[in-house]
C-alpha atoms as a PDB file:
ATOM      1  CA  UNK A   1     -18.876 -99.991 -46.610  1.00  0.00           C
ATOM      2  CA  UNK A   2     -17.411 -96.406 -46.451  1.00  0.00           C
ATOM      3  CA  UNK A   3     -19.725 -93.802 -46.122  1.00  0.00           C
ATOM      4  CA  UNK A   4     -19.017 -91.072 -48.581  1.00  0.00           C
ATOM      5  CA  UNK A   5     -19.695 -87.980 -46.497  1.00  0.00           C
ATOM      6  CA  UNK A   6     -17.319 -89.285 -43.655  1.00  0.00           C
ATOM      7  CA  UNK A   7     -14.310 -89.986 -46.507  1.00  0.00           C
ATOM      8  CA  UNK A   8     -14.298 -86.305 -47.850  1.00  0.00           C
ATOM      9  CA  UNK A   9     -14.547 -85.106 -43.974  1.00  0.00           C
ATOM     10  CA  UNK A  10     -11.547 -87.839 -43.496  1.00  0.00           C
ATOM     11  CA  UNK A  11      -9.284 -85.989 -46.889  1.00  0.00           C
ATOM     12  CA  UNK A  12     -10.101 -82.351 -45.071  1.00  0.00           C
ATOM     13  CA  UNK A  13      -8.515 -83.668 -41.646  1.00  0.00           C
ATOM     14  CA  UNK A  14      -6.252 -85.356 -43.375  1.00  0.00           C
ATOM     15  CA  UNK A  15      -6.692 -88.765 -43.596  1.00  0.00           C
ATOM     16  CA  UNK A  16      -6.764 -91.710 -46.156  1.00  0.00           C
ATOM     17  CA  UNK A  17      -8.747 -94.628 -46.964  1.00  0.00           C
ATOM     18  CA  UNK A  18      -6.225 -98.336 -47.117  1.00  0.00           C
ATOM     19  CA  UNK A  19      -7.845-102.123 -46.957  1.00  0.00           C
ATOM     20  CA  UNK A  20      -5.268-105.054 -45.149  1.00  0.00           C
ATOM     21  CA  UNK A  21      -5.558-107.812 -47.345  1.00  0.00           C
ATOM     22  CA  UNK A  22      -3.875-109.676 -45.096  1.00  0.00           C
ATOM     23  CA  UNK A  23      -7.003-108.731 -42.714  1.00  0.00           C
ATOM     24  CA  UNK A  24      -9.533-109.832 -45.254  1.00  0.00           C
ATOM     25  CA  UNK A  25      -9.296-105.905 -46.554  1.00  0.00           C
ATOM     26  CA  UNK A  26     -10.374-104.845 -42.939  1.00  0.00           C
ATOM     27  CA  UNK A  27     -10.212-100.813 -43.325  1.00  0.00           C
ATOM     28  CA  UNK A  28      -8.524 -98.751 -41.752  1.00  0.00           C
ATOM     29  CA  UNK A  29      -7.355 -94.755 -41.821  1.00  0.00           C
ATOM     30  CA  UNK A  30      -4.255 -93.726 -42.392  1.00  0.00           C
ATOM     31  CA  UNK A  31      -2.443 -89.518 -41.272  1.00  0.00           C
ATOM     32  CA  UNK A  32       1.245 -90.492 -41.974  1.00  0.00           C
ATOM     33  CA  UNK A  33       3.608 -88.426 -39.871  1.00  0.00           C
ATOM     34  CA  UNK A  34       6.189 -87.257 -43.273  1.00  0.00           C
ATOM     35  CA  UNK A  35       3.660 -86.682 -46.241  1.00  0.00           C
ATOM     36  CA  UNK A  36       4.434 -86.890 -49.899  1.00  0.00           C
ATOM     37  CA  UNK A  37       3.968 -83.996 -51.814  1.00  0.00           C
ATOM     38  CA  UNK A  38       4.360 -82.816 -55.301  1.00  0.00           C
ATOM     39  CA  UNK A  39       4.890 -78.817 -55.701  1.00  0.00           C
ATOM     40  CA  UNK A  40       3.693 -78.114 -58.813  1.00  0.00           C
ATOM     41  CA  UNK A  41       5.597 -75.346 -59.228  1.00  0.00           C
ATOM     42  CA  UNK A  42       8.210 -76.906 -58.956  1.00  0.00           C
ATOM     43  CA  UNK A  43       8.062 -80.123 -61.662  1.00  0.00           C
ATOM     44  CA  UNK A  44      10.276 -80.864 -63.732  1.00  0.00           C
ATOM     45  CA  UNK A  45       9.413 -83.858 -66.839  1.00  0.00           C
ATOM     46  CA  UNK A  46      12.836 -86.151 -67.062  1.00  0.00           C
ATOM     47  CA  UNK A  47      13.700 -86.735 -71.026  1.00  0.00           C
ATOM     48  CA  UNK A  48      12.041 -89.319 -71.107  1.00  0.00           C
ATOM     49  CA  UNK A  49       8.517 -88.371 -70.684  1.00  0.00           C
ATOM     50  CA  UNK A  50      10.098 -85.134 -72.845  1.00  0.00           C
ATOM     51  CA  UNK A  51      11.179 -87.318 -75.874  1.00  0.00           C
ATOM     52  CA  UNK A  52       8.423 -89.737 -75.508  1.00  0.00           C
ATOM     53  CA  UNK A  53       5.156 -86.549 -75.470  1.00  0.00           C
ATOM     54  CA  UNK A  54       7.446 -85.485 -79.098  1.00  0.00           C
ATOM     55  CA  UNK A  55       7.037 -88.714 -80.416  1.00  0.00           C
ATOM     56  CA  UNK A  56       3.442 -88.327 -79.799  1.00  0.00           C
ATOM     57  CA  UNK A  57       2.806 -92.303 -79.113  1.00  0.00           C
ATOM     58  CA  UNK A  58       0.319 -91.818 -75.870  1.00  0.00           C
ATOM     59  CA  UNK A  59      -2.620 -90.424 -76.187  1.00  0.00           C
ATOM     60  CA  UNK A  60      -3.994 -89.224 -72.612  1.00  0.00           C
ATOM     61  CA  UNK A  61      -7.598 -88.038 -71.732  1.00  0.00           C
ATOM     62  CA  UNK A  62      -9.197 -87.187 -68.599  1.00  0.00           C
ATOM     63  CA  UNK A  63     -12.305 -88.951 -67.151  1.00  0.00           C
ATOM     64  CA  UNK A  64     -12.734 -91.511 -69.772  1.00  0.00           C
ATOM     65  CA  UNK A  65     -12.201 -94.406 -68.266  1.00  0.00           C
ATOM     66  CA  UNK A  66     -12.402 -94.583 -64.408  1.00  0.00           C
ATOM     67  CA  UNK A  67     -13.880 -97.509 -63.804  1.00  0.00           C
ATOM     68  CA  UNK A  68     -10.834 -99.359 -65.518  1.00  0.00           C
ATOM     69  CA  UNK A  69      -8.316 -97.229 -63.921  1.00  0.00           C
ATOM     70  CA  UNK A  70      -9.153 -98.012 -60.632  1.00  0.00           C
ATOM     71  CA  UNK A  71      -9.295-101.702 -61.581  1.00  0.00           C
ATOM     72  CA  UNK A  72      -5.484-101.958 -63.197  1.00  0.00           C
ATOM     73  CA  UNK A  73      -4.697 -99.796 -60.082  1.00  0.00           C
ATOM     74  CA  UNK A  74      -5.958-103.060 -57.835  1.00  0.00           C
ATOM     75  CA  UNK A  75      -4.936-105.275 -59.431  1.00  0.00           C
ATOM     76  CA  UNK A  76      -1.489-106.748 -57.828  1.00  0.00           C
ATOM     77  CA  UNK A  77       1.486-105.822 -59.331  1.00  0.00           C
ATOM     78  CA  UNK A  78       3.809-108.510 -60.065  1.00  0.00           C
ATOM     79  CA  UNK A  79       6.094-108.157 -56.600  1.00  0.00           C
ATOM     80  CA  UNK A  80       3.648-108.152 -54.710  1.00  0.00           C
ATOM     81  CA  UNK A  81       0.490-110.618 -55.101  1.00  0.00           C
ATOM     82  CA  UNK A  82      -2.277-108.296 -52.806  1.00  0.00           C
ATOM     83  CA  UNK A  83      -2.985-104.893 -53.058  1.00  0.00           C
ATOM     84  CA  UNK A  84      -4.230-102.654 -50.952  1.00  0.00           C
ATOM     85  CA  UNK A  85      -7.886-101.478 -53.207  1.00  0.00           C
ATOM     86  CA  UNK A  86     -10.336-103.006 -51.968  1.00  0.00           C
ATOM     87  CA  UNK A  87     -13.417-103.920 -53.424  1.00  0.00           C
ATOM     88  CA  UNK A  88     -15.234-101.751 -50.696  1.00  0.00           C
ATOM     89  CA  UNK A  89     -12.663 -98.947 -51.650  1.00  0.00           C
ATOM     90  CA  UNK A  90     -13.366 -99.489 -56.093  1.00  0.00           C
ATOM     91  CA  UNK A  91     -17.179 -98.664 -54.963  1.00  0.00           C
ATOM     92  CA  UNK A  92     -16.882 -95.882 -52.735  1.00  0.00           C
ATOM     93  CA  UNK A  93     -14.445 -93.946 -55.054  1.00  0.00           C
ATOM     94  CA  UNK A  94     -16.299 -95.138 -58.248  1.00  0.00           C
ATOM     95  CA  UNK A  95     -19.250 -93.302 -56.211  1.00  0.00           C
ATOM     96  CA  UNK A  96     -17.240 -90.417 -56.474  1.00  0.00           C
ATOM     97  CA  UNK A  97     -16.964 -90.632 -59.316  1.00  0.00           C
ATOM     98  CA  UNK A  98     -20.213 -90.654 -60.348  1.00  0.00           C
ATOM     99  CA  UNK A  99     -20.493 -87.455 -57.917  1.00  0.00           C
ATOM    100  CA  UNK A 100     -17.809 -85.825 -59.866  1.00  0.00           C
ATOM    101  CA  UNK A 101     -15.191 -85.858 -57.179  1.00  0.00           C
ATOM    102  CA  UNK A 102     -12.893 -88.649 -58.367  1.00  0.00           C
ATOM    103  CA  UNK A 103     -10.807 -88.256 -61.763  1.00  0.00           C
ATOM    104  CA  UNK A 104      -8.689 -91.026 -63.438  1.00  0.00           C
ATOM    105  CA  UNK A 105      -6.634 -89.815 -66.007  1.00  0.00           C
ATOM    106  CA  UNK A 106      -5.976 -92.591 -68.613  1.00  0.00           C
ATOM    107  CA  UNK A 107      -3.413 -93.024 -71.490  1.00  0.00           C
ATOM    108  CA  UNK A 108      -3.656 -95.049 -74.274  1.00  0.00           C
ATOM    109  CA  UNK A 109      -1.574 -96.510 -76.964  1.00  0.00           C
ATOM    110  CA  UNK A 110      -2.681 -97.821 -80.483  1.00  0.00           C
ATOM    111  CA  UNK A 111      -6.605 -97.592 -79.146  1.00  0.00           C
ATOM    112  CA  UNK A 112      -5.526 -99.606 -75.352  1.00  0.00           C
ATOM    113  CA  UNK A 113      -5.423 -98.989 -71.554  1.00  0.00           C
ATOM    114  CA  UNK A 114      -1.995 -99.128 -70.944  1.00  0.00           C
ATOM    115  CA  UNK A 115      -1.598 -97.039 -67.889  1.00  0.00           C
ATOM    116  CA  UNK A 116      -3.030 -94.050 -65.907  1.00  0.00           C
ATOM    117  CA  UNK A 117      -3.913 -93.006 -62.418  1.00  0.00           C
ATOM    118  CA  UNK A 118      -7.184 -91.636 -60.451  1.00  0.00           C
ATOM    119  CA  UNK A 119      -7.596 -89.219 -57.191  1.00  0.00           C
ATOM    120  CA  UNK A 120      -9.739 -86.254 -55.911  1.00  0.00           C
ATOM    121  CA  UNK A 121     -10.474 -83.569 -55.941  1.00  0.00           C
ATOM    122  CA  UNK A 122     -11.706 -81.015 -53.181  1.00  0.00           C
ATOM    123  CA  UNK A 123     -10.652 -77.060 -53.185  1.00  0.00           C
ATOM    124  CA  UNK A 124      -7.089 -76.841 -54.343  1.00  0.00           C
ATOM    125  CA  UNK A 125      -6.226 -80.233 -53.740  1.00  0.00           C
ATOM    126  CA  UNK A 126      -6.051 -82.728 -55.287  1.00  0.00           C
ATOM    127  CA  UNK A 127      -5.397 -85.789 -53.696  1.00  0.00           C
ATOM    128  CA  UNK A 128      -3.380 -88.928 -56.052  1.00  0.00           C
ATOM    129  CA  UNK A 129      -4.367 -92.039 -54.946  1.00  0.00           C
ATOM    130  CA  UNK A 130      -2.860 -94.762 -57.337  1.00  0.00           C
ATOM    131  CA  UNK A 131      -1.175 -95.332 -60.405  1.00  0.00           C
ATOM    132  CA  UNK A 132      -0.782 -98.225 -62.805  1.00  0.00           C
ATOM    133  CA  UNK A 133       0.610 -99.198 -66.044  1.00  0.00           C
ATOM    134  CA  UNK A 134       1.465-101.943 -68.898  1.00  0.00           C
ATOM    135  CA  UNK A 135       3.720-100.304 -70.888  1.00  0.00           C
ATOM    136  CA  UNK A 136       6.701 -98.618 -69.460  1.00  0.00           C
ATOM    137  CA  UNK A 137       6.204 -95.174 -69.051  1.00  0.00           C
ATOM    138  CA  UNK A 138       2.513 -95.076 -69.379  1.00  0.00           C
ATOM    139  CA  UNK A 139       2.072 -94.189 -65.895  1.00  0.00           C
ATOM    140  CA  UNK A 140       4.948 -91.227 -66.125  1.00  0.00           C
ATOM    141  CA  UNK A 141       3.312 -89.506 -69.152  1.00  0.00           C
ATOM    142  CA  UNK A 142      -0.544 -89.851 -67.395  1.00  0.00           C
ATOM    143  CA  UNK A 143       1.382 -88.263 -64.071  1.00  0.00           C
ATOM    144  CA  UNK A 144       2.727 -85.352 -66.158  1.00  0.00           C
ATOM    145  CA  UNK A 145      -0.248 -84.803 -67.686  1.00  0.00           C
ATOM    146  CA  UNK A 146      -2.133 -84.546 -64.442  1.00  0.00           C
ATOM    147  CA  UNK A 147      -0.008 -82.065 -63.328  1.00  0.00           C
ATOM    148  CA  UNK A 148       0.167 -79.951 -65.921  1.00  0.00           C
ATOM    149  CA  UNK A 149      -2.979 -79.961 -65.900  1.00  0.00           C
ATOM    150  CA  UNK A 150      -3.233 -78.824 -61.967  1.00  0.00           C
ATOM    151  CA  UNK A 151      -0.839 -76.330 -63.092  1.00  0.00           C
ATOM    152  CA  UNK A 152      -2.963 -75.139 -65.860  1.00  0.00           C
ATOM    153  CA  UNK A 153      -6.268 -74.649 -63.966  1.00  0.00           C
ATOM    154  CA  UNK A 154      -4.367 -72.899 -60.110  1.00  0.00           C
ATOM    155  CA  UNK A 155      -4.338 -76.311 -57.885  1.00  0.00           C
ATOM    156  CA  UNK A 156      -2.107 -75.487 -54.751  1.00  0.00           C
ATOM    157  CA  UNK A 157      -1.195 -78.558 -53.390  1.00  0.00           C
ATOM    158  CA  UNK A 158      -0.757 -82.521 -54.527  1.00  0.00           C
ATOM    159  CA  UNK A 159      -0.997 -84.803 -51.994  1.00  0.00           C
ATOM    160  CA  UNK A 160       1.246 -88.075 -53.122  1.00  0.00           C
ATOM    161  CA  UNK A 161       0.440 -89.912 -49.576  1.00  0.00           C
ATOM    162  CA  UNK A 162       3.737 -91.810 -48.746  1.00  0.00           C
ATOM    163  CA  UNK A 163       7.147 -92.133 -50.414  1.00  0.00           C
ATOM    164  CA  UNK A 164       8.572 -95.100 -51.895  1.00  0.00           C
ATOM    165  CA  UNK A 165      10.912 -95.153 -54.825  1.00  0.00           C
ATOM    166  CA  UNK A 166       8.601 -94.236 -57.644  1.00  0.00           C
ATOM    167  CA  UNK A 167       7.445 -91.529 -56.448  1.00  0.00           C
ATOM    168  CA  UNK A 168      10.294 -89.897 -55.605  1.00  0.00           C
ATOM    169  CA  UNK A 169      12.157 -90.714 -58.932  1.00  0.00           C
ATOM    170  CA  UNK A 170       9.179 -88.496 -60.360  1.00  0.00           C
ATOM    171  CA  UNK A 171      10.019 -85.536 -58.037  1.00  0.00           C
ATOM    172  CA  UNK A 172       7.873 -85.974 -54.406  1.00  0.00           C
ATOM    173  CA  UNK A 173       9.149 -84.614 -51.221  1.00  0.00           C
ATOM    174  CA  UNK A 174       8.217 -85.027 -47.866  1.00  0.00           C
ATOM    175  CA  UNK A 175       7.175 -83.113 -45.293  1.00  0.00           C
ATOM    176  CA  UNK A 176       5.739 -82.847 -41.685  1.00  0.00           C
ATOM    177  CA  UNK A 177       2.176 -84.045 -40.647  1.00  0.00           C
ATOM    178  CA  UNK A 178       2.136 -79.981 -39.260  1.00  0.00           C
ATOM    179  CA  UNK A 179       3.624 -78.260 -43.058  1.00  0.00           C
ATOM    180  CA  UNK A 180       0.887 -80.816 -44.471  1.00  0.00           C
ATOM    181  CA  UNK A 181      -1.963 -79.613 -42.716  1.00  0.00           C
ATOM    182  CA  UNK A 182      -1.116 -76.187 -43.280  1.00  0.00           C
ATOM    183  CA  UNK A 183      -1.217 -76.629 -46.581  1.00  0.00           C
ATOM    184  CA  UNK A 184      -3.773 -78.734 -46.966  1.00  0.00           C
ATOM    185  CA  UNK A 185      -6.320 -75.552 -45.300  1.00  0.00           C
ATOM    186  CA  UNK A 186      -4.614 -72.897 -47.513  1.00  0.00           C
ATOM    187  CA  UNK A 187      -5.572 -74.869 -50.583  1.00  0.00           C
ATOM    188  CA  UNK A 188      -9.389 -76.210 -49.553  1.00  0.00           C
ATOM    189  CA  UNK A 189     -10.439 -72.647 -49.298  1.00  0.00           C
ATOM    190  CA  UNK A 190      -9.164 -72.683 -52.801  1.00  0.00           C
ATOM    191  CA  UNK A 191     -12.563 -73.267 -54.885  1.00  0.00           C
ATOM    192  CA  UNK A 192     -11.436 -74.467 -58.381  1.00  0.00           C
ATOM    193  CA  UNK A 193     -13.509 -77.446 -60.837  1.00  0.00           C
ATOM    194  CA  UNK A 194     -12.017 -79.978 -61.732  1.00  0.00           C
ATOM    195  CA  UNK A 195     -12.495 -80.058 -65.933  1.00  0.00           C
END
């Protein structure tokens, strides 16, 4: 069982949890040597995202369907039959949502949830956990909405944890652990309310 106070303390020390589906969901703490982050002040949405926003096909909300989003993120991808988001993680982050620490961004198409993301907000840092989509570009639209929201609120750090091709396409960069910890300490000094 994940203890909530330990989970929050871990984020402040640069760790985040993952479960290992090959070991019955055993939980372990990650602190990668290279950290993926987004520079909020350098974010530029893709032409496709701008086009879809102009068309207004998607509706985006915040904190309207957290449990649906985290369960969407926990569902195995087409290319992978396993997931690192265990039921223990779903339960812990759902508790954090009820405490006002975890948040979700939802993307809707014709009244149906088609994508979204979730993460944790602490100080001036947002720790992105996972995203999913059931319709092309839905997760990118949700991500764009998140970035604009964080910029508007004055956030300093958007942590994406571990680089992958999708994050790189969205504009993530890798920095060293030492640089990440400096940015994290600075961001945690800020007092920002997410909503």
